[in-house]
Amino acid sequence: MHPTLPPEAIIASKTPFKVELIGGKRYSWCTCGHSKKQPFCDGSHKTKAPGMAPHRFVPEKDCTVWLCGCKYTNTAPFCDGTHKMEFIASATLAEESDLKS
């Protein structure tokens, strides 16, 4: 019997998303990469990445931020530049591989 590995995020975008946030509003940032409403969660993790959950956050004030699109940031939900690393830059996005099928 093999242990079940936890689900792994797919790369939704190789660049971050510039987003205007409203202070005091609760946001759910997609951690799995499957959401069709990137960079925010649409519940896709429930069927496509069971065990994963969105990263919820509430900004203190209105602000413009760059939210991570590759899902490999170390400063979730904010972009930390990880998308510039070779393993992201050379990856095939899920939608690209769907087009080739």
PDB file of N, CA and C in Angstrom:
ATOM      1  N   MET A   1       0.850  -1.183   0.000  1.00  0.00           N
ATOM      2  CA  MET A   1       0.000   0.000   0.000  1.00  0.00           C
ATOM      3  C   MET A   1       0.890   1.239   0.000  1.00  0.00           C
ATOM      4  N   HIS A   2       0.634   2.136  -0.926  1.00  0.00           N
ATOM      5  CA  HIS A   2       1.411   3.363  -1.023  1.00  0.00           C
ATOM      6  C   HIS A   2       0.664   4.503  -0.339  1.00  0.00           C
ATOM      7  N   PRO A   3       1.398   5.312   0.415  1.00  0.00           N
ATOM      8  CA  PRO A   3       0.716   6.467   1.020  1.00  0.00           C
ATOM      9  C   PRO A   3       0.257   7.433  -0.071  1.00  0.00           C
ATOM     10  N   THR A   4      -0.831   8.094   0.182  1.00  0.00           N
ATOM     11  CA  THR A   4      -1.347   9.069  -0.770  1.00  0.00           C
ATOM     12  C   THR A   4      -0.594  10.377  -0.596  1.00  0.00           C
ATOM     13  N   LEU A   5      -0.051  10.881  -1.683  1.00  0.00           N
ATOM     14  CA  LEU A   5       0.650  12.149  -1.625  1.00  0.00           C
ATOM     15  C   LEU A   5      -0.363  13.284  -1.608  1.00  0.00           C
ATOM     16  N   PRO A   6      -0.046  14.370  -0.900  1.00  0.00           N
ATOM     17  CA  PRO A   6      -0.978  15.491  -0.923  1.00  0.00           C
ATOM     18  C   PRO A   6      -1.042  16.096  -2.318  1.00  0.00           C
ATOM     19  N   PRO A   7      -2.147  16.717  -2.656  1.00  0.00           N
ATOM     20  CA  PRO A   7      -2.253  17.326  -3.982  1.00  0.00           C
ATOM     21  C   PRO A   7      -1.209  18.435  -4.147  1.00  0.00           C
ATOM     22  N   GLU A   8      -0.798  18.654  -5.373  1.00  0.00           N
ATOM     23  CA  GLU A   8       0.183  19.692  -5.676  1.00  0.00           C
ATOM     24  C   GLU A   8      -0.473  20.731  -6.579  1.00  0.00           C
ATOM     25  N   ALA A   9      -0.129  21.978  -6.348  1.00  0.00           N
ATOM     26  CA  ALA A   9      -0.694  23.065  -7.149  1.00  0.00           C
ATOM     27  C   ALA A   9      -0.234  22.963  -8.594  1.00  0.00           C
ATOM     28  N   ILE A  10      -1.112  23.360  -9.506  1.00  0.00           N
ATOM     29  CA  ILE A  10      -0.712  23.505 -10.903  1.00  0.00           C
ATOM     30  C   ILE A  10      -0.422  24.989 -11.148  1.00  0.00           C
ATOM     31  N   ILE A  11       0.397  25.268 -12.115  1.00  0.00           N
ATOM     32  CA  ILE A  11       0.750  26.648 -12.428  1.00  0.00           C
ATOM     33  C   ILE A  11      -0.393  27.269 -13.235  1.00  0.00           C
ATOM     34  N   ALA A  12      -1.048  28.254 -12.639  1.00  0.00           N
ATOM     35  CA  ALA A  12      -2.172  28.909 -13.311  1.00  0.00           C
ATOM     36  C   ALA A  12      -1.680  29.965 -14.291  1.00  0.00           C
ATOM     37  N   SER A  13      -0.585  30.645 -13.937  1.00  0.00           N
ATOM     38  CA  SER A  13      -0.049  31.715 -14.766  1.00  0.00           C
ATOM     39  C   SER A  13       1.441  31.858 -14.479  1.00  0.00           C
ATOM     40  N   LYS A  14       2.202  32.202 -15.496  1.00  0.00           N
ATOM     41  CA  LYS A  14       3.634  32.408 -15.310  1.00  0.00           C
ATOM     42  C   LYS A  14       3.961  33.850 -14.929  1.00  0.00           C
ATOM     43  N   THR A  15       2.934  34.644 -14.734  1.00  0.00           N
ATOM     44  CA  THR A  15       3.094  36.029 -14.290  1.00  0.00           C
ATOM     45  C   THR A  15       2.077  36.308 -13.183  1.00  0.00           C
ATOM     46  N   PRO A  16       2.361  37.299 -12.335  1.00  0.00           N
ATOM     47  CA  PRO A  16       1.415  37.631 -11.264  1.00  0.00           C
ATOM     48  C   PRO A  16       0.217  38.417 -11.787  1.00  0.00           C
ATOM     49  N   PHE A  17      -0.790  38.540 -10.942  1.00  0.00           N
ATOM     50  CA  PHE A  17      -2.015  39.275 -11.260  1.00  0.00           C
ATOM     51  C   PHE A  17      -2.021  40.589 -10.491  1.00  0.00           C
ATOM     52  N   LYS A  18      -2.136  41.714 -11.194  1.00  0.00           N
ATOM     53  CA  LYS A  18      -2.253  43.006 -10.538  1.00  0.00           C
ATOM     54  C   LYS A  18      -3.715  43.182 -10.139  1.00  0.00           C
ATOM     55  N   VAL A  19      -3.951  43.381  -8.836  1.00  0.00           N
ATOM     56  CA  VAL A  19      -5.313  43.401  -8.313  1.00  0.00           C
ATOM     57  C   VAL A  19      -5.518  44.591  -7.375  1.00  0.00           C
ATOM     58  N   GLU A  20      -6.676  45.221  -7.514  1.00  0.00           N
ATOM     59  CA  GLU A  20      -7.090  46.293  -6.596  1.00  0.00           C
ATOM     60  C   GLU A  20      -7.899  45.633  -5.480  1.00  0.00           C
ATOM     61  N   LEU A  21      -7.423  45.747  -4.249  1.00  0.00           N
ATOM     62  CA  LEU A  21      -8.105  45.138  -3.110  1.00  0.00           C
ATOM     63  C   LEU A  21      -8.789  46.220  -2.278  1.00  0.00           C
ATOM     64  N   ILE A  22      -9.893  45.849  -1.632  1.00  0.00           N
ATOM     65  CA  ILE A  22     -10.652  46.746  -0.781  1.00  0.00           C
ATOM     66  C   ILE A  22     -10.356  46.396   0.676  1.00  0.00           C
ATOM     67  N   GLY A  23      -9.911  47.385   1.434  1.00  0.00           N
ATOM     68  CA  GLY A  23      -9.611  47.163   2.841  1.00  0.00           C
ATOM     69  C   GLY A  23     -10.815  46.633   3.602  1.00  0.00           C
ATOM     70  N   GLY A  24     -10.586  45.631   4.462  1.00  0.00           N
ATOM     71  CA  GLY A  24     -11.645  45.045   5.275  1.00  0.00           C
ATOM     72  C   GLY A  24     -12.442  43.951   4.589  1.00  0.00           C
ATOM     73  N   LYS A  25     -12.258  43.772   3.292  1.00  0.00           N
ATOM     74  CA  LYS A  25     -12.976  42.721   2.554  1.00  0.00           C
ATOM     75  C   LYS A  25     -12.176  41.423   2.610  1.00  0.00           C
ATOM     76  N   ARG A  26     -12.876  40.312   2.773  1.00  0.00           N
ATOM     77  CA  ARG A  26     -12.224  39.005   2.833  1.00  0.00           C
ATOM     78  C   ARG A  26     -12.079  38.440   1.426  1.00  0.00           C
ATOM     79  N   TYR A  27     -10.870  37.992   1.108  1.00  0.00           N
ATOM     80  CA  TYR A  27     -10.562  37.407  -0.196  1.00  0.00           C
ATOM     81  C   TYR A  27     -10.106  35.963  -0.009  1.00  0.00           C
ATOM     82  N   SER A  28     -10.350  35.151  -1.024  1.00  0.00           N
ATOM     83  CA  SER A  28      -9.894  33.759  -1.031  1.00  0.00           C
ATOM     84  C   SER A  28      -9.019  33.559  -2.261  1.00  0.00           C
ATOM     85  N   TRP A  29      -7.703  33.522  -2.040  1.00  0.00           N
ATOM     86  CA  TRP A  29      -6.724  33.359  -3.117  1.00  0.00           C
ATOM     87  C   TRP A  29      -6.606  31.869  -3.446  1.00  0.00           C
ATOM     88  N   CYS A  30      -6.705  31.527  -4.722  1.00  0.00           N
ATOM     89  CA  CYS A  30      -6.606  30.147  -5.178  1.00  0.00           C
ATOM     90  C   CYS A  30      -5.199  29.607  -4.920  1.00  0.00           C
ATOM     91  N   THR A  31      -5.100  28.480  -4.234  1.00  0.00           N
ATOM     92  CA  THR A  31      -3.808  27.843  -3.980  1.00  0.00           C
ATOM     93  C   THR A  31      -3.563  26.655  -4.901  1.00  0.00           C
ATOM     94  N   CYS A  32      -4.625  26.111  -5.504  1.00  0.00           N
ATOM     95  CA  CYS A  32      -4.473  24.892  -6.299  1.00  0.00           C
ATOM     96  C   CYS A  32      -4.142  25.152  -7.766  1.00  0.00           C
ATOM     97  N   GLY A  33      -4.522  26.332  -8.264  1.00  0.00           N
ATOM     98  CA  GLY A  33      -4.266  26.668  -9.667  1.00  0.00           C
ATOM     99  C   GLY A  33      -5.366  26.264 -10.625  1.00  0.00           C
ATOM    100  N   HIS A  34      -6.387  25.575 -10.163  1.00  0.00           N
ATOM    101  CA  HIS A  34      -7.455  25.087 -11.044  1.00  0.00           C
ATOM    102  C   HIS A  34      -8.592  26.080 -11.256  1.00  0.00           C
ATOM    103  N   SER A  35      -8.691  27.111 -10.421  1.00  0.00           N
ATOM    104  CA  SER A  35      -9.797  28.065 -10.502  1.00  0.00           C
ATOM    105  C   SER A  35      -9.848  28.749 -11.868  1.00  0.00           C
ATOM    106  N   LYS A  36     -11.044  28.955 -12.359  1.00  0.00           N
ATOM    107  CA  LYS A  36     -11.254  29.700 -13.605  1.00  0.00           C
ATOM    108  C   LYS A  36     -11.397  31.192 -13.324  1.00  0.00           C
ATOM    109  N   LYS A  37     -11.345  31.586 -12.040  1.00  0.00           N
ATOM    110  CA  LYS A  37     -11.475  32.990 -11.641  1.00  0.00           C
ATOM    111  C   LYS A  37     -10.158  33.490 -11.033  1.00  0.00           C
ATOM    112  N   GLN A  38      -9.034  33.087 -11.605  1.00  0.00           N
ATOM    113  CA  GLN A  38      -7.720  33.467 -11.095  1.00  0.00           C
ATOM    114  C   GLN A  38      -7.604  34.976 -10.914  1.00  0.00           C
ATOM    115  N   PRO A  39      -6.950  35.391  -9.848  1.00  0.00           N
ATOM    116  CA  PRO A  39      -6.195  34.597  -8.881  1.00  0.00           C
ATOM    117  C   PRO A  39      -7.039  34.121  -7.700  1.00  0.00           C
ATOM    118  N   PHE A  40      -8.345  34.278  -7.795  1.00  0.00           N
ATOM    119  CA  PHE A  40      -9.211  33.931  -6.671  1.00  0.00           C
ATOM    120  C   PHE A  40      -9.834  32.541  -6.822  1.00  0.00           C
ATOM    121  N   CYS A  41     -10.256  32.000  -5.705  1.00  0.00           N
ATOM    122  CA  CYS A  41     -10.821  30.650  -5.638  1.00  0.00           C
ATOM    123  C   CYS A  41     -12.245  30.614  -6.188  1.00  0.00           C
ATOM    124  N   ASP A  42     -12.559  29.564  -6.945  1.00  0.00           N
ATOM    125  CA  ASP A  42     -13.935  29.333  -7.404  1.00  0.00           C
ATOM    126  C   ASP A  42     -14.459  27.979  -6.908  1.00  0.00           C
ATOM    127  N   GLY A  43     -13.712  27.340  -6.005  1.00  0.00           N
ATOM    128  CA  GLY A  43     -14.138  26.055  -5.448  1.00  0.00           C
ATOM    129  C   GLY A  43     -13.647  24.844  -6.221  1.00  0.00           C
ATOM    130  N   SER A  44     -12.879  25.044  -7.288  1.00  0.00           N
ATOM    131  CA  SER A  44     -12.398  23.925  -8.117  1.00  0.00           C
ATOM    132  C   SER A  44     -11.577  22.913  -7.329  1.00  0.00           C
ATOM    133  N   HIS A  45     -10.924  23.355  -6.254  1.00  0.00           N
ATOM    134  CA  HIS A  45     -10.087  22.442  -5.468  1.00  0.00           C
ATOM    135  C   HIS A  45     -10.896  21.283  -4.881  1.00  0.00           C
ATOM    136  N   LYS A  46     -12.189  21.491  -4.692  1.00  0.00           N
ATOM    137  CA  LYS A  46     -13.018  20.452  -4.083  1.00  0.00           C
ATOM    138  C   LYS A  46     -13.050  19.179  -4.924  1.00  0.00           C
ATOM    139  N   THR A  47     -13.008  19.330  -6.255  1.00  0.00           N
ATOM    140  CA  THR A  47     -13.033  18.156  -7.126  1.00  0.00           C
ATOM    141  C   THR A  47     -11.679  17.880  -7.782  1.00  0.00           C
ATOM    142  N   LYS A  48     -10.904  18.931  -8.059  1.00  0.00           N
ATOM    143  CA  LYS A  48      -9.652  18.750  -8.792  1.00  0.00           C
ATOM    144  C   LYS A  48      -8.422  18.633  -7.905  1.00  0.00           C
ATOM    145  N   ALA A  49      -8.520  19.094  -6.653  1.00  0.00           N
ATOM    146  CA  ALA A  49      -7.380  19.021  -5.734  1.00  0.00           C
ATOM    147  C   ALA A  49      -7.885  18.849  -4.306  1.00  0.00           C
ATOM    148  N   PRO A  50      -8.606  17.737  -4.039  1.00  0.00           N
ATOM    149  CA  PRO A  50      -9.138  17.512  -2.690  1.00  0.00           C
ATOM    150  C   PRO A  50      -8.014  17.589  -1.654  1.00  0.00           C
ATOM    151  N   GLY A  51      -8.303  18.233  -0.557  1.00  0.00           N
ATOM    152  CA  GLY A  51      -7.301  18.390   0.493  1.00  0.00           C
ATOM    153  C   GLY A  51      -6.660  19.771   0.476  1.00  0.00           C
ATOM    154  N   MET A  52      -6.794  20.471  -0.644  1.00  0.00           N
ATOM    155  CA  MET A  52      -6.281  21.834  -0.720  1.00  0.00           C
ATOM    156  C   MET A  52      -7.413  22.792  -0.372  1.00  0.00           C
ATOM    157  N   ALA A  53      -7.040  23.984   0.066  1.00  0.00           N
ATOM    158  CA  ALA A  53      -8.023  25.006   0.421  1.00  0.00           C
ATOM    159  C   ALA A  53      -7.474  26.367   0.027  1.00  0.00           C
ATOM    160  N   PRO A  54      -8.354  27.344  -0.194  1.00  0.00           N
ATOM    161  CA  PRO A  54      -7.864  28.674  -0.540  1.00  0.00           C
ATOM    162  C   PRO A  54      -7.148  29.324   0.631  1.00  0.00           C
ATOM    163  N   HIS A  55      -6.326  30.299   0.319  1.00  0.00           N
ATOM    164  CA  HIS A  55      -5.655  31.117   1.335  1.00  0.00           C
ATOM    165  C   HIS A  55      -6.533  32.346   1.530  1.00  0.00           C
ATOM    166  N   ARG A  56      -7.123  32.464   2.700  1.00  0.00           N
ATOM    167  CA  ARG A  56      -8.026  33.588   2.959  1.00  0.00           C
ATOM    168  C   ARG A  56      -7.261  34.721   3.626  1.00  0.00           C
ATOM    169  N   PHE A  57      -7.563  35.947   3.204  1.00  0.00           N
ATOM    170  CA  PHE A  57      -6.898  37.111   3.784  1.00  0.00           C
ATOM    171  C   PHE A  57      -7.791  38.340   3.691  1.00  0.00           C
ATOM    172  N   VAL A  58      -7.530  39.294   4.578  1.00  0.00           N
ATOM    173  CA  VAL A  58      -8.274  40.547   4.622  1.00  0.00           C
ATOM    174  C   VAL A  58      -7.256  41.689   4.673  1.00  0.00           C
ATOM    175  N   PRO A  59      -7.160  42.485   3.606  1.00  0.00           N
ATOM    176  CA  PRO A  59      -6.235  43.626   3.636  1.00  0.00           C
ATOM    177  C   PRO A  59      -6.738  44.685   4.624  1.00  0.00           C
ATOM    178  N   GLU A  60      -5.799  45.351   5.283  1.00  0.00           N
ATOM    179  CA  GLU A  60      -6.168  46.386   6.247  1.00  0.00           C
ATOM    180  C   GLU A  60      -6.740  47.624   5.574  1.00  0.00           C
ATOM    181  N   LYS A  61      -6.237  47.952   4.374  1.00  0.00           N
ATOM    182  CA  LYS A  61      -6.696  49.156   3.682  1.00  0.00           C
ATOM    183  C   LYS A  61      -6.767  48.887   2.185  1.00  0.00           C
ATOM    184  N   ASP A  62      -7.426  49.762   1.455  1.00  0.00           N
ATOM    185  CA  ASP A  62      -7.477  49.648  -0.004  1.00  0.00           C
ATOM    186  C   ASP A  62      -6.048  49.692  -0.541  1.00  0.00           C
ATOM    187  N   CYS A  63      -5.737  48.823  -1.480  1.00  0.00           N
ATOM    188  CA  CYS A  63      -4.381  48.791  -2.021  1.00  0.00           C
ATOM    189  C   CYS A  63      -4.351  48.054  -3.357  1.00  0.00           C
ATOM    190  N   THR A  64      -3.290  48.306  -4.106  1.00  0.00           N
ATOM    191  CA  THR A  64      -3.031  47.582  -5.347  1.00  0.00           C
ATOM    192  C   THR A  64      -1.862  46.654  -5.079  1.00  0.00           C
ATOM    193  N   VAL A  65      -2.040  45.379  -5.377  1.00  0.00           N
ATOM    194  CA  VAL A  65      -1.008  44.374  -5.089  1.00  0.00           C
ATOM    195  C   VAL A  65      -0.814  43.459  -6.296  1.00  0.00           C
ATOM    196  N   TRP A  66       0.264  42.711  -6.265  1.00  0.00           N
ATOM    197  CA  TRP A  66       0.531  41.668  -7.262  1.00  0.00           C
ATOM    198  C   TRP A  66       0.340  40.327  -6.564  1.00  0.00           C
ATOM    199  N   LEU A  67      -0.710  39.604  -6.952  1.00  0.00           N
ATOM    200  CA  LEU A  67      -0.974  38.283  -6.371  1.00  0.00           C
ATOM    201  C   LEU A  67      -0.329  37.214  -7.239  1.00  0.00           C
ATOM    202  N   CYS A  68       0.229  36.223  -6.588  1.00  0.00           N
ATOM    203  CA  CYS A  68       0.954  35.149  -7.258  1.00  0.00           C
ATOM    204  C   CYS A  68       0.049  34.386  -8.225  1.00  0.00           C
ATOM    205  N   GLY A  69       0.567  34.123  -9.410  1.00  0.00           N
ATOM    206  CA  GLY A  69      -0.158  33.336 -10.401  1.00  0.00           C
ATOM    207  C   GLY A  69       0.402  31.932 -10.556  1.00  0.00           C
ATOM    208  N   CYS A  70       1.686  31.749 -10.186  1.00  0.00           N
ATOM    209  CA  CYS A  70       2.312  30.429 -10.368  1.00  0.00           C
ATOM    210  C   CYS A  70       1.991  29.469  -9.229  1.00  0.00           C
ATOM    211  N   LYS A  71       1.553  29.995  -8.099  1.00  0.00           N
ATOM    212  CA  LYS A  71       1.143  29.233  -6.907  1.00  0.00           C
ATOM    213  C   LYS A  71       2.322  28.671  -6.114  1.00  0.00           C
ATOM    214  N   TYR A  72       3.532  29.070  -6.414  1.00  0.00           N
ATOM    215  CA  TYR A  72       4.709  28.571  -5.702  1.00  0.00           C
ATOM    216  C   TYR A  72       5.391  29.645  -4.859  1.00  0.00           C
ATOM    217  N   THR A  73       4.723  30.781  -4.631  1.00  0.00           N
ATOM    218  CA  THR A  73       5.286  31.848  -3.820  1.00  0.00           C
ATOM    219  C   THR A  73       5.538  31.391  -2.381  1.00  0.00           C
ATOM    220  N   ASN A  74       6.508  31.999  -1.744  1.00  0.00           N
ATOM    221  CA  ASN A  74       6.763  31.753  -0.323  1.00  0.00           C
ATOM    222  C   ASN A  74       6.136  32.843   0.533  1.00  0.00           C
ATOM    223  N   THR A  75       5.436  33.783  -0.111  1.00  0.00           N
ATOM    224  CA  THR A  75       4.799  34.894   0.600  1.00  0.00           C
ATOM    225  C   THR A  75       3.317  34.982   0.229  1.00  0.00           C
ATOM    226  N   ALA A  76       2.641  33.844   0.214  1.00  0.00           N
ATOM    227  CA  ALA A  76       1.230  33.783  -0.197  1.00  0.00           C
ATOM    228  C   ALA A  76       0.395  34.817   0.544  1.00  0.00           C
ATOM    229  N   PRO A  77      -0.483  35.467  -0.184  1.00  0.00           N
ATOM    230  CA  PRO A  77      -0.859  35.266  -1.579  1.00  0.00           C
ATOM    231  C   PRO A  77      -0.063  36.144  -2.558  1.00  0.00           C
ATOM    232  N   PHE A  78       0.936  36.853  -2.033  1.00  0.00           N
ATOM    233  CA  PHE A  78       1.642  37.852  -2.829  1.00  0.00           C
ATOM    234  C   PHE A  78       2.787  37.256  -3.644  1.00  0.00           C
ATOM    235  N   CYS A  79       3.028  37.835  -4.802  1.00  0.00           N
ATOM    236  CA  CYS A  79       4.119  37.397  -5.667  1.00  0.00           C
ATOM    237  C   CYS A  79       5.460  37.688  -4.996  1.00  0.00           C
ATOM    238  N   ASP A  80       6.370  36.722  -5.053  1.00  0.00           N
ATOM    239  CA  ASP A  80       7.733  36.924  -4.535  1.00  0.00           C
ATOM    240  C   ASP A  80       8.786  36.723  -5.624  1.00  0.00           C
ATOM    241  N   GLY A  81       8.332  36.618  -6.882  1.00  0.00           N
ATOM    242  CA  GLY A  81       9.263  36.454  -7.994  1.00  0.00           C
ATOM    243  C   GLY A  81       9.594  35.016  -8.343  1.00  0.00           C
ATOM    244  N   THR A  82       9.013  34.053  -7.646  1.00  0.00           N
ATOM    245  CA  THR A  82       9.286  32.639  -7.919  1.00  0.00           C
ATOM    246  C   THR A  82       8.995  32.284  -9.374  1.00  0.00           C
ATOM    247  N   HIS A  83       8.037  32.973 -10.001  1.00  0.00           N
ATOM    248  CA  HIS A  83       7.679  32.671 -11.396  1.00  0.00           C
ATOM    249  C   HIS A  83       8.851  32.870 -12.355  1.00  0.00           C
ATOM    250  N   LYS A  84       9.896  33.555 -11.919  1.00  0.00           N
ATOM    251  CA  LYS A  84      11.070  33.778 -12.769  1.00  0.00           C
ATOM    252  C   LYS A  84      12.035  32.589 -12.748  1.00  0.00           C
ATOM    253  N   MET A  85      11.816  31.638 -11.840  1.00  0.00           N
ATOM    254  CA  MET A  85      12.693  30.465 -11.744  1.00  0.00           C
ATOM    255  C   MET A  85      12.465  29.530 -12.930  1.00  0.00           C
ATOM    256  N   GLU A  86      13.486  28.795 -13.294  1.00  0.00           N
ATOM    257  CA  GLU A  86      13.457  27.941 -14.479  1.00  0.00           C
ATOM    258  C   GLU A  86      12.313  26.918 -14.449  1.00  0.00           C
ATOM    259  N   PHE A  87      12.039  26.313 -13.294  1.00  0.00           N
ATOM    260  CA  PHE A  87      11.000  25.273 -13.268  1.00  0.00           C
ATOM    261  C   PHE A  87       9.616  25.843 -13.584  1.00  0.00           C
ATOM    262  N   ILE A  88       9.411  27.132 -13.340  1.00  0.00           N
ATOM    263  CA  ILE A  88       8.149  27.771 -13.717  1.00  0.00           C
ATOM    264  C   ILE A  88       8.222  28.232 -15.173  1.00  0.00           C
ATOM    265  N   ALA A  89       9.297  28.918 -15.517  1.00  0.00           N
ATOM    266  CA  ALA A  89       9.451  29.468 -16.867  1.00  0.00           C
ATOM    267  C   ALA A  89       9.368  28.393 -17.946  1.00  0.00           C
ATOM    268  N   SER A  90       9.872  27.204 -17.666  1.00  0.00           N
ATOM    269  CA  SER A  90       9.892  26.131 -18.662  1.00  0.00           C
ATOM    270  C   SER A  90       8.673  25.208 -18.598  1.00  0.00           C
ATOM    271  N   ALA A  91       7.810  25.419 -17.627  1.00  0.00           N
ATOM    272  CA  ALA A  91       6.641  24.541 -17.454  1.00  0.00           C
ATOM    273  C   ALA A  91       5.587  24.802 -18.517  1.00  0.00           C
ATOM    274  N   THR A  92       4.824  23.761 -18.840  1.00  0.00           N
ATOM    275  CA  THR A  92       3.678  23.890 -19.721  1.00  0.00           C
ATOM    276  C   THR A  92       2.460  24.156 -18.851  1.00  0.00           C
ATOM    277  N   LEU A  93       1.738  25.206 -19.155  1.00  0.00           N
ATOM    278  CA  LEU A  93       0.534  25.504 -18.393  1.00  0.00           C
ATOM    279  C   LEU A  93      -0.548  24.483 -18.729  1.00  0.00           C
ATOM    280  N   ALA A  94      -1.446  24.223 -17.791  1.00  0.00           N
ATOM    281  CA  ALA A  94      -2.503  23.238 -17.985  1.00  0.00           C
ATOM    282  C   ALA A  94      -3.318  23.568 -19.237  1.00  0.00           C
ATOM    283  N   GLU A  95      -3.655  24.837 -19.442  1.00  0.00           N
ATOM    284  CA  GLU A  95      -4.461  25.204 -20.623  1.00  0.00           C
ATOM    285  C   GLU A  95      -3.690  25.011 -21.923  1.00  0.00           C
ATOM    286  N   GLU A  96      -2.341  25.153 -21.876  1.00  0.00           N
ATOM    287  CA  GLU A  96      -1.525  24.902 -23.067  1.00  0.00           C
ATOM    288  C   GLU A  96      -1.533  23.422 -23.426  1.00  0.00           C
ATOM    289  N   SER A  97      -1.450  22.562 -22.405  1.00  0.00           N
ATOM    290  CA  SER A  97      -1.434  21.132 -22.681  1.00  0.00           C
ATOM    291  C   SER A  97      -2.820  20.664 -23.150  1.00  0.00           C
ATOM    292  N   ASP A  98      -3.887  21.331 -22.680  1.00  0.00           N
ATOM    293  CA  ASP A  98      -5.238  20.996 -23.131  1.00  0.00           C
ATOM    294  C   ASP A  98      -5.414  21.306 -24.617  1.00  0.00           C
ATOM    295  N   LEU A  99      -4.782  22.377 -25.071  1.00  0.00           N
ATOM    296  CA  LEU A  99      -4.878  22.779 -26.477  1.00  0.00           C
ATOM    297  C   LEU A  99      -4.184  21.789 -27.400  1.00  0.00           C
ATOM    298  N   LYS A 100      -3.131  21.124 -26.878  1.00  0.00           N
ATOM    299  CA  LYS A 100      -2.367  20.185 -27.690  1.00  0.00           C
ATOM    300  C   LYS A 100      -3.045  18.830 -27.799  1.00  0.00           C
ATOM    301  N   SER A 101      -3.982  18.528 -26.895  1.00  0.00           N
ATOM    302  CA  SER A 101      -4.636  17.222 -26.892  1.00  0.00           C
ATOM    303  C   SER A 101      -5.651  17.101 -28.004  1.00  0.00           C
TER     304      SER A 101
END
